[in-house]
Amino acid sequence: MRARVALATRVGSVVLPNPVMTASGTAGYGAELGAYVDLTSLGAVVVKSLAATPWAGNPAPRVHETPAGMLNSVGLQGQGVAAWLAEELPALHDRGARVVASIWGRRAEEFAQAAELLRGAPGVVAVEVNVSCPNLDDRSRMFAHSPTATAEAVAAAGVCGLPLWVKLSPNTSELLEVAAAGLDAGAEALVLVNTVLGMSIDVARRSYRLGSGPAGGGLSGPAIRPVAVRAVHDCRAAFPHAGIVGVGGIGRGVDAVEMMLAGADAVEVGTATFRDPRAPARVLAGLARWCRFSGVTDVRQLVGAVLRAVDVGPPPAPAPHEARHGAVFDAGATSNHPRHAAAATGAPPPPSPAPPAPPTAPPQPAPPPAPAFETSAPSPAPARPAPPIERPRAPDRIPPTPGSGPSAGTDGGG
């Protein structure tokens, strides 16, 4: 009989029964997925991003399938926080779901207005600050592309009095700087990542496929999973004590394992729900099954394990997460490696010992000099050709999978 897997995790100060959540923008505003998934069985339900007031969003068409996911240009359409509190949250709360409310704004003041409305909201355990939206005070540049603007939005959202998670964009070369600014401004966790900028053109009509036209849309699904894994990995290395939620292309349990090995405390499943609304439950079951067959008794053992393996080989068992208060990759607490211990105390790491010098080979006698004019040098024996490698022949055409839907992946926009 295989050991039971402990699935509980912690994102910042928020303790979750397991690490699988829905992604903002892909699970609706309320209990829509409740017909397919027991919402209490998930770590949390992250709802669609809401502004303080209703917002119409972009013109149709808003969604287009791609070979490895989908493009969307919904444009953060929403009913506003006040209407959501009155019409949608009660159903989620009645079902016992843990709720993460996602908010957005075009100015820092709008983040504050949306956050203020969420103060004391029943069942809401955290607020996800979606900064992947245009900042009207910075020539419509995204908040998430500026450390200063991100810090302003997160600080403004602090009026809600709830734990803050900041959702970041991968479309910047300053991801670590933006992440640091969000954490310094009060965020407990980073949500990585939002959609990747993309575009699709209808070659027959010679026009844009999405109603947003030249603005394009956001790409989600399996195509962006390596981008999300890289962002999670780099942020875990840079911010070892921050909470991190990985999102982007997660449709199977093993995808969640990969994201956690890179450093995520929890994951969000998004685009996969468009194809199968039971996807979050399937990912959770697959994660637990992978752990059982791999001898992992606590999912927290996975978090950041690839980073620990760089220096110290196979990861040791981590300290219980209840005692670490969210420090998911505390090198000083989980390793006896002197470099990790030095990092925990702030001391400079000790110099690495010089590798031993390789043994010196005994001198060999020099070959006799070649004659000045070589006219009959013997030809070397021809090398025997290696036997041919038998490779399976790929089919000329891969038939489409029956029943494939508008996406085959995960992640969510707003």
Protein backbone atom coordinates (compact mmCIF):
# COMPACT_ATOMS: atom_id res chain seq x y z
CA MET A 1 0.00 0.00 0.00
CA ARG A 2 1.47 3.34 -1.05
CA ALA A 3 1.84 6.16 1.50
CA ARG A 4 -0.71 8.93 1.52
CA VAL A 5 0.48 12.21 -0.01
CA ALA A 6 0.25 15.40 2.06
CA LEU A 7 -1.09 17.98 -0.41
CA ALA A 8 -1.38 21.08 1.79
CA THR A 9 0.70 24.07 0.76
CA ARG A 10 1.17 27.71 1.64
CA VAL A 11 1.24 30.78 -0.61
CA GLY A 12 2.59 33.61 1.49
CA SER A 13 0.40 33.61 4.60
CA VAL A 14 -2.45 31.73 2.90
CA VAL A 15 -2.65 28.03 3.71
CA LEU A 16 -4.36 25.92 1.02
CA PRO A 17 -5.47 22.28 1.26
CA ASN A 18 -3.74 21.54 -2.05
CA PRO A 19 -1.77 23.48 -4.68
CA VAL A 20 -4.26 23.42 -7.60
CA MET A 21 -6.43 26.48 -8.34
CA THR A 22 -8.32 27.88 -11.30
CA ALA A 23 -6.80 30.75 -13.29
CA SER A 24 -8.31 34.19 -13.57
CA GLY A 25 -10.24 34.73 -16.77
CA THR A 26 -10.97 31.05 -17.40
CA ALA A 27 -13.37 29.96 -14.66
CA GLY A 28 -15.94 32.76 -14.80
CA TYR A 29 -17.00 35.05 -11.98
CA GLY A 30 -18.71 32.56 -9.71
CA ALA A 31 -19.66 28.93 -9.32
CA GLU A 32 -19.91 28.04 -13.03
CA LEU A 33 -17.46 25.16 -12.68
CA GLY A 34 -19.38 23.78 -9.73
CA ALA A 35 -21.42 21.57 -12.06
CA TYR A 36 -18.23 19.72 -13.02
CA VAL A 37 -15.85 20.05 -10.07
CA ASP A 38 -16.32 20.05 -6.32
CA LEU A 39 -15.04 23.57 -5.73
CA THR A 40 -14.13 22.79 -2.12
CA SER A 41 -11.73 20.12 -3.42
CA LEU A 42 -9.55 22.76 -5.11
CA GLY A 43 -6.94 24.87 -3.40
CA ALA A 44 -8.92 27.99 -4.34
CA VAL A 45 -11.08 29.46 -7.09
CA VAL A 46 -9.50 32.51 -8.74
CA VAL A 47 -12.22 34.55 -10.42
CA LYS A 48 -12.10 36.75 -13.50
CA SER A 49 -10.40 40.12 -13.04
CA LEU A 50 -12.75 42.88 -11.92
CA ALA A 51 -12.47 46.65 -11.94
CA ALA A 52 -14.19 48.93 -9.48
CA THR A 53 -16.83 49.72 -12.11
CA PRO A 54 -18.27 47.76 -15.07
CA TRP A 55 -16.10 47.53 -18.20
CA ALA A 56 -17.24 46.57 -21.71
CA GLY A 57 -14.03 44.98 -22.96
CA ASN A 58 -12.99 44.55 -26.60
CA PRO A 59 -15.16 43.95 -29.67
CA ALA A 60 -15.73 40.42 -31.00
CA PRO A 61 -14.28 38.09 -32.10
CA ARG A 62 -12.36 37.71 -28.86
CA VAL A 63 -10.91 34.18 -29.00
CA HIS A 64 -8.98 32.29 -31.67
CA GLU A 65 -7.59 28.75 -31.46
CA THR A 66 -3.89 28.23 -32.11
CA PRO A 67 -1.99 24.95 -32.64
CA ALA A 68 -0.88 24.88 -28.98
CA GLY A 69 -3.43 26.96 -27.12
CA MET A 70 -5.42 30.07 -27.89
CA LEU A 71 -5.32 33.81 -28.39
CA ASN A 72 -7.75 36.03 -26.54
CA SER A 73 -8.58 39.72 -26.61
CA VAL A 74 -11.46 39.80 -24.14
CA GLY A 75 -10.16 43.10 -22.84
CA LEU A 76 -10.93 42.58 -19.15
CA GLN A 77 -14.68 42.79 -19.62
CA GLY A 78 -16.44 42.65 -16.29
CA GLN A 79 -19.44 43.66 -14.23
CA GLY A 80 -17.48 45.50 -11.54
CA VAL A 81 -16.68 44.50 -7.99
CA ALA A 82 -19.93 45.74 -6.40
CA ALA A 83 -22.13 43.68 -8.75
CA TRP A 84 -19.88 40.64 -8.29
CA LEU A 85 -20.15 40.86 -4.52
CA ALA A 86 -23.93 40.95 -4.73
CA GLU A 87 -24.57 38.49 -7.57
CA GLU A 88 -21.71 35.98 -7.81
CA LEU A 89 -19.75 35.69 -4.58
CA PRO A 90 -22.69 34.33 -2.50
CA ALA A 91 -22.88 31.17 -4.62
CA LEU A 92 -19.15 30.56 -4.24
CA HIS A 93 -19.32 31.19 -0.51
CA ASP A 94 -22.33 28.89 -0.09
CA ARG A 95 -20.41 26.08 -1.78
CA GLY A 96 -17.54 26.49 0.66
CA ALA A 97 -15.01 27.56 -1.97
CA ARG A 98 -11.89 29.47 -1.00
CA VAL A 99 -11.91 32.51 -3.27
CA VAL A 100 -9.09 34.64 -4.65
CA ALA A 101 -10.51 37.85 -6.11
CA SER A 102 -8.60 39.35 -9.05
CA ILE A 103 -8.69 43.12 -9.59
CA TRP A 104 -7.37 45.56 -12.18
CA GLY A 105 -7.39 49.28 -12.92
CA ARG A 106 -6.09 51.91 -15.29
CA ARG A 107 -4.66 54.08 -12.53
CA ALA A 108 -3.38 53.29 -9.06
CA GLU A 109 -6.48 54.98 -7.64
CA GLU A 110 -8.69 52.50 -9.49
CA PHE A 111 -6.85 49.57 -7.90
CA ALA A 112 -7.52 51.19 -4.52
CA GLN A 113 -11.23 51.59 -5.31
CA ALA A 114 -11.62 47.97 -6.36
CA ALA A 115 -9.65 46.72 -3.35
CA GLU A 116 -11.60 48.82 -0.87
CA LEU A 117 -14.85 47.17 -2.01
CA LEU A 118 -13.38 43.75 -1.17
CA ARG A 119 -12.64 44.58 2.46
CA GLY A 120 -14.35 41.94 4.61
CA ALA A 121 -15.76 39.98 1.63
CA PRO A 122 -16.85 36.53 2.89
CA GLY A 123 -14.78 33.59 1.69
CA VAL A 124 -12.13 35.74 -0.03
CA VAL A 125 -8.72 34.57 1.18
CA ALA A 126 -6.49 36.75 -1.02
CA VAL A 127 -6.56 39.43 -3.71
CA GLU A 128 -4.70 38.91 -6.98
CA VAL A 129 -3.54 42.29 -8.32
CA ASN A 130 -3.53 41.92 -12.10
CA VAL A 131 -1.04 44.55 -13.27
CA SER A 132 -1.03 43.34 -16.88
CA CYS A 133 -3.29 46.21 -17.94
CA PRO A 134 -2.71 49.66 -19.50
CA ASN A 135 -1.61 52.49 -17.22
CA LEU A 136 -3.26 55.70 -18.40
CA ASP A 137 -0.77 57.79 -16.44
CA ASP A 138 2.16 56.28 -18.32
CA ARG A 139 1.07 56.60 -21.98
CA SER A 140 -0.92 53.34 -21.70
CA ARG A 141 2.22 51.36 -20.91
CA MET A 142 1.38 48.24 -18.89
CA PHE A 143 1.78 48.50 -15.13
CA ALA A 144 3.62 45.17 -15.23
CA HIS A 145 6.28 46.62 -17.53
CA SER A 146 7.34 49.20 -14.95
CA PRO A 147 8.67 48.50 -11.45
CA THR A 148 7.43 51.89 -10.23
CA ALA A 149 3.92 51.50 -11.63
CA THR A 150 3.65 47.94 -10.31
CA ALA A 151 4.65 49.09 -6.83
CA GLU A 152 2.05 51.87 -6.95
CA ALA A 153 -0.73 49.47 -7.95
CA VAL A 154 0.16 46.92 -5.26
CA ALA A 155 0.49 49.56 -2.56
CA ALA A 156 -2.88 51.02 -3.54
CA ALA A 157 -4.54 47.59 -3.34
CA GLY A 158 -3.33 47.19 0.23
CA VAL A 159 -6.42 49.00 1.52
CA CYS A 160 -8.36 45.72 1.26
CA GLY A 161 -6.57 44.33 4.30
CA LEU A 162 -6.22 40.93 2.62
CA PRO A 163 -3.07 39.08 1.47
CA LEU A 164 -1.95 40.41 -1.91
CA TRP A 165 -0.69 38.36 -4.85
CA VAL A 166 0.63 40.28 -7.87
CA LYS A 167 0.11 38.75 -11.32
CA LEU A 168 2.96 39.64 -13.66
CA SER A 169 3.48 39.76 -17.39
CA PRO A 170 6.24 37.82 -19.17
CA ASN A 171 6.39 40.51 -21.87
CA THR A 172 9.20 42.49 -20.26
CA SER A 173 12.95 42.19 -19.90
CA GLU A 174 12.64 43.57 -16.36
CA LEU A 175 10.63 40.73 -14.81
CA LEU A 176 12.87 40.40 -11.74
CA GLU A 177 12.92 44.14 -11.14
CA VAL A 178 9.13 44.33 -11.46
CA ALA A 179 8.72 41.33 -9.15
CA ALA A 180 10.99 42.90 -6.54
CA ALA A 181 9.01 46.14 -6.69
CA GLY A 182 5.73 44.29 -6.18
CA LEU A 183 7.08 42.36 -3.19
CA ASP A 184 8.58 45.50 -1.64
CA ALA A 185 5.22 47.25 -2.02
CA GLY A 186 3.42 44.63 0.05
CA ALA A 187 2.66 41.61 -2.15
CA GLU A 188 3.12 38.27 -0.43
CA ALA A 189 3.23 36.26 -3.65
CA LEU A 190 4.01 36.43 -7.36
CA VAL A 191 1.63 34.90 -9.91
CA LEU A 192 3.67 33.90 -12.97
CA VAL A 193 2.71 34.43 -15.72
CA ASN A 194 -0.04 36.20 -17.62
CA THR A 195 -0.45 35.71 -21.37
CA VAL A 196 2.27 36.29 -23.98
CA LEU A 197 1.66 38.95 -26.63
CA GLY A 198 0.56 37.41 -29.92
CA MET A 199 -1.39 37.96 -33.12
CA SER A 200 -3.16 35.95 -35.81
CA ILE A 201 -4.07 37.06 -39.34
CA ASP A 202 -6.70 35.55 -41.61
CA VAL A 203 -4.78 35.08 -44.84
CA ALA A 204 -7.93 34.54 -46.92
CA ARG A 205 -9.55 37.80 -45.81
CA ARG A 206 -6.21 39.56 -45.29
CA SER A 207 -7.42 40.91 -41.97
CA TYR A 208 -6.91 40.45 -38.24
CA ARG A 209 -8.65 37.47 -36.67
CA LEU A 210 -9.41 39.24 -33.38
CA GLY A 211 -11.67 42.23 -32.90
CA SER A 212 -8.84 44.10 -31.20
CA GLY A 213 -7.21 44.47 -34.64
CA PRO A 214 -3.58 45.61 -34.60
CA ALA A 215 -3.49 45.36 -30.79
CA GLY A 216 -3.48 41.56 -31.14
CA GLY A 217 -4.18 39.39 -28.13
CA GLY A 218 -2.72 37.25 -25.39
CA LEU A 219 -1.43 33.75 -26.10
CA SER A 220 -2.10 31.06 -23.48
CA GLY A 221 -1.94 27.28 -23.34
CA PRO A 222 0.88 24.72 -23.69
CA ALA A 223 2.85 27.02 -26.01
CA ILE A 224 3.73 29.33 -23.11
CA ARG A 225 4.45 26.72 -20.44
CA PRO A 226 8.26 26.89 -20.93
CA VAL A 227 8.02 30.68 -20.58
CA ALA A 228 6.12 30.32 -17.30
CA VAL A 229 8.49 27.64 -15.98
CA ARG A 230 11.47 29.89 -16.70
CA ALA A 231 9.81 32.86 -14.97
CA VAL A 232 8.98 30.77 -11.90
CA HIS A 233 12.50 29.33 -11.77
CA ASP A 234 14.25 32.70 -12.03
CA CYS A 235 11.96 34.36 -9.49
CA ARG A 236 12.34 31.49 -7.01
CA ALA A 237 16.13 31.81 -7.29
CA ALA A 238 15.94 35.58 -6.80
CA PHE A 239 13.26 35.61 -4.07
CA PRO A 240 13.63 32.39 -2.05
CA HIS A 241 11.12 33.38 0.63
CA ALA A 242 8.32 34.77 -1.59
CA GLY A 243 5.15 32.91 -2.35
CA ILE A 244 4.96 31.90 -6.02
CA VAL A 245 2.03 30.64 -8.07
CA GLY A 246 2.81 29.13 -11.49
CA VAL A 247 0.33 29.49 -14.34
CA GLY A 248 0.66 28.84 -18.05
CA GLY A 249 0.02 25.67 -20.03
CA ILE A 250 -0.85 23.39 -17.12
CA GLY A 251 -3.20 20.63 -18.28
CA ARG A 252 -1.78 17.50 -16.61
CA GLY A 253 -0.51 16.49 -13.22
CA VAL A 254 3.05 16.25 -14.51
CA ASP A 255 2.82 19.87 -15.71
CA ALA A 256 2.06 20.91 -12.15
CA VAL A 257 5.02 18.83 -10.93
CA GLU A 258 7.35 20.60 -13.36
CA MET A 259 6.12 24.03 -12.24
CA MET A 260 6.60 23.14 -8.58
CA LEU A 261 10.08 21.74 -9.16
CA ALA A 262 10.93 25.11 -10.71
CA GLY A 263 9.78 26.85 -7.52
CA ALA A 264 5.99 27.27 -7.47
CA ASP A 265 4.13 26.76 -4.20
CA ALA A 266 0.88 26.30 -6.12
CA VAL A 267 -0.42 26.37 -9.68
CA GLU A 268 -3.41 27.70 -11.60
CA VAL A 269 -5.19 25.77 -14.35
CA GLY A 270 -6.83 27.93 -16.98
CA THR A 271 -7.06 27.40 -20.72
CA ALA A 272 -7.44 23.63 -20.28
CA THR A 273 -10.85 24.27 -18.71
CA PHE A 274 -12.19 25.52 -22.05
CA ARG A 275 -11.64 22.07 -23.48
CA ASP A 276 -12.57 20.17 -20.31
CA PRO A 277 -14.15 22.00 -17.34
CA ARG A 278 -12.96 19.15 -15.13
CA ALA A 279 -9.33 19.98 -15.91
CA PRO A 280 -8.44 21.40 -12.46
CA ALA A 281 -9.67 18.20 -10.78
CA ARG A 282 -7.77 16.06 -13.30
CA VAL A 283 -4.56 18.02 -12.68
CA LEU A 284 -4.95 17.59 -8.91
CA ALA A 285 -5.55 13.84 -9.24
CA GLY A 286 -2.58 13.51 -11.61
CA LEU A 287 -0.31 15.44 -9.24
CA ALA A 288 -1.24 13.20 -6.30
CA ARG A 289 -0.79 10.07 -8.42
CA TRP A 290 2.65 11.18 -9.63
CA CYS A 291 3.74 11.82 -6.05
CA ARG A 292 2.56 8.39 -4.87
CA PHE A 293 4.39 6.53 -7.62
CA SER A 294 7.51 8.67 -7.16
CA GLY A 295 7.74 8.22 -3.40
CA VAL A 296 6.96 11.86 -2.62
CA THR A 297 4.97 12.00 0.62
CA ASP A 298 4.58 15.80 0.82
CA VAL A 299 4.14 18.10 -2.19
CA ARG A 300 6.26 20.69 -0.42
CA GLN A 301 9.25 18.47 -1.13
CA LEU A 302 8.85 19.40 -4.80
CA VAL A 303 8.97 23.18 -4.38
CA GLY A 304 12.21 24.51 -5.84
CA ALA A 305 13.84 21.09 -5.78
CA VAL A 306 15.60 21.69 -9.09
CA LEU A 307 17.36 24.68 -7.56
CA ARG A 308 18.55 22.71 -4.56
CA ALA A 309 19.78 19.96 -6.87
CA VAL A 310 22.17 22.39 -8.58
CA ASP A 311 24.47 22.48 -5.55
CA VAL A 312 23.63 19.61 -3.26
CA GLY A 313 22.30 16.77 -5.39
CA PRO A 314 19.02 15.11 -4.45
CA PRO A 315 16.93 17.46 -2.27
CA PRO A 316 16.70 16.67 1.45
CA ALA A 317 13.31 16.55 3.12
CA PRO A 318 12.24 20.16 3.75
CA ALA A 319 11.17 21.49 7.12
CA PRO A 320 7.38 21.38 7.68
CA HIS A 321 5.78 24.27 5.86
CA GLU A 322 3.88 25.26 9.00
CA ALA A 323 7.20 26.15 10.66
CA ARG A 324 8.66 27.97 7.67
CA HIS A 325 5.94 30.60 7.26
CA GLY A 326 6.03 30.45 3.51
CA ALA A 327 9.81 30.17 3.03
CA VAL A 328 9.65 27.62 0.27
CA PHE A 329 13.31 27.47 -0.68
CA ASP A 330 15.11 28.32 2.53
CA ALA A 331 18.55 27.03 1.64
CA GLY A 332 19.88 27.52 5.14
CA ALA A 333 16.98 25.55 6.65
CA THR A 334 16.96 22.67 4.19
CA SER A 335 20.63 22.12 3.45
CA ASN A 336 23.97 21.75 5.22
CA HIS A 337 25.77 23.12 2.19
CA PRO A 338 28.10 25.96 3.39
CA ARG A 339 26.97 28.27 0.59
CA HIS A 340 23.33 27.85 1.61
CA ALA A 341 24.14 28.37 5.28
CA ALA A 342 26.01 31.57 4.42
CA ALA A 343 23.06 32.82 2.36
CA ALA A 344 20.72 32.33 5.33
CA THR A 345 22.93 34.44 7.63
CA GLY A 346 23.82 37.12 5.09
CA ALA A 347 27.54 36.27 5.22
CA PRO A 348 29.51 36.03 1.98
CA PRO A 349 29.78 32.44 0.75
CA PRO A 350 33.09 30.66 1.33
CA PRO A 351 35.31 30.30 -1.70
CA SER A 352 34.97 27.06 -3.56
CA PRO A 353 37.98 24.73 -3.05
CA ALA A 354 40.29 24.57 -6.02
CA PRO A 355 39.95 21.32 -7.93
CA PRO A 356 42.93 18.93 -7.66
CA ALA A 357 45.49 19.20 -10.44
CA PRO A 358 45.26 16.37 -12.96
CA PRO A 359 48.08 13.79 -12.83
CA THR A 360 51.01 14.51 -15.12
CA ALA A 361 51.54 11.90 -17.81
CA PRO A 362 55.10 10.56 -18.18
CA PRO A 363 57.01 12.10 -21.11
CA GLN A 364 56.83 10.14 -24.35
CA PRO A 365 59.77 9.83 -26.77
CA ALA A 366 59.44 12.08 -29.79
CA PRO A 367 58.62 10.28 -33.07
CA PRO A 368 61.41 10.10 -35.66
CA PRO A 369 61.36 12.94 -38.20
CA ALA A 370 59.58 12.28 -41.50
CA PRO A 371 61.73 12.17 -44.65
CA ALA A 372 61.96 15.37 -46.64
CA PHE A 373 60.12 13.86 -49.60
CA GLU A 374 57.56 11.19 -48.72
CA THR A 375 56.68 9.37 -51.92
CA SER A 376 55.27 6.09 -50.73
CA ALA A 377 53.63 6.65 -47.36
CA PRO A 378 51.31 3.77 -46.56
CA SER A 379 47.61 4.67 -46.62
CA PRO A 380 45.77 4.22 -43.33
CA ALA A 381 43.37 1.32 -43.09
CA PRO A 382 39.85 2.46 -43.98
CA ALA A 383 37.52 2.73 -40.97
CA ARG A 384 34.68 0.24 -40.88
CA PRO A 385 31.38 2.07 -41.36
CA ALA A 386 29.02 1.96 -38.37
CA PRO A 387 25.90 -0.15 -38.86
CA PRO A 388 22.89 1.95 -39.85
CA ILE A 389 20.59 3.02 -37.01
CA GLU A 390 17.08 1.78 -37.41
CA ARG A 391 14.73 4.74 -36.84
CA PRO A 392 10.96 4.50 -36.94
CA ARG A 393 9.47 6.31 -39.88
CA ALA A 394 7.20 9.21 -38.89
CA PRO A 395 3.75 9.14 -40.45
CA ASP A 396 3.20 11.53 -43.31
CA ARG A 397 0.34 13.19 -41.50
CA ILE A 398 -0.82 13.08 -37.89
CA PRO A 399 -4.59 12.69 -37.85
CA PRO A 400 -6.45 15.22 -35.67
CA THR A 401 -7.47 14.13 -32.20
CA PRO A 402 -11.21 13.50 -32.09
CA GLY A 403 -13.09 15.96 -29.94
CA SER A 404 -10.36 18.59 -29.67
CA GLY A 405 -11.79 21.85 -28.42
CA PRO A 406 -10.86 25.50 -28.74
CA SER A 407 -7.73 25.01 -26.68
CA ALA A 408 -5.44 22.33 -25.43
CA GLY A 409 -3.75 24.06 -22.58
CA THR A 410 -4.03 26.30 -19.60
CA ASP A 411 -3.41 29.72 -18.22
CA GLY A 412 -5.66 32.68 -18.06
CA GLY A 413 -5.69 36.30 -18.89
CA GLY A 414 -7.96 38.65 -17.02
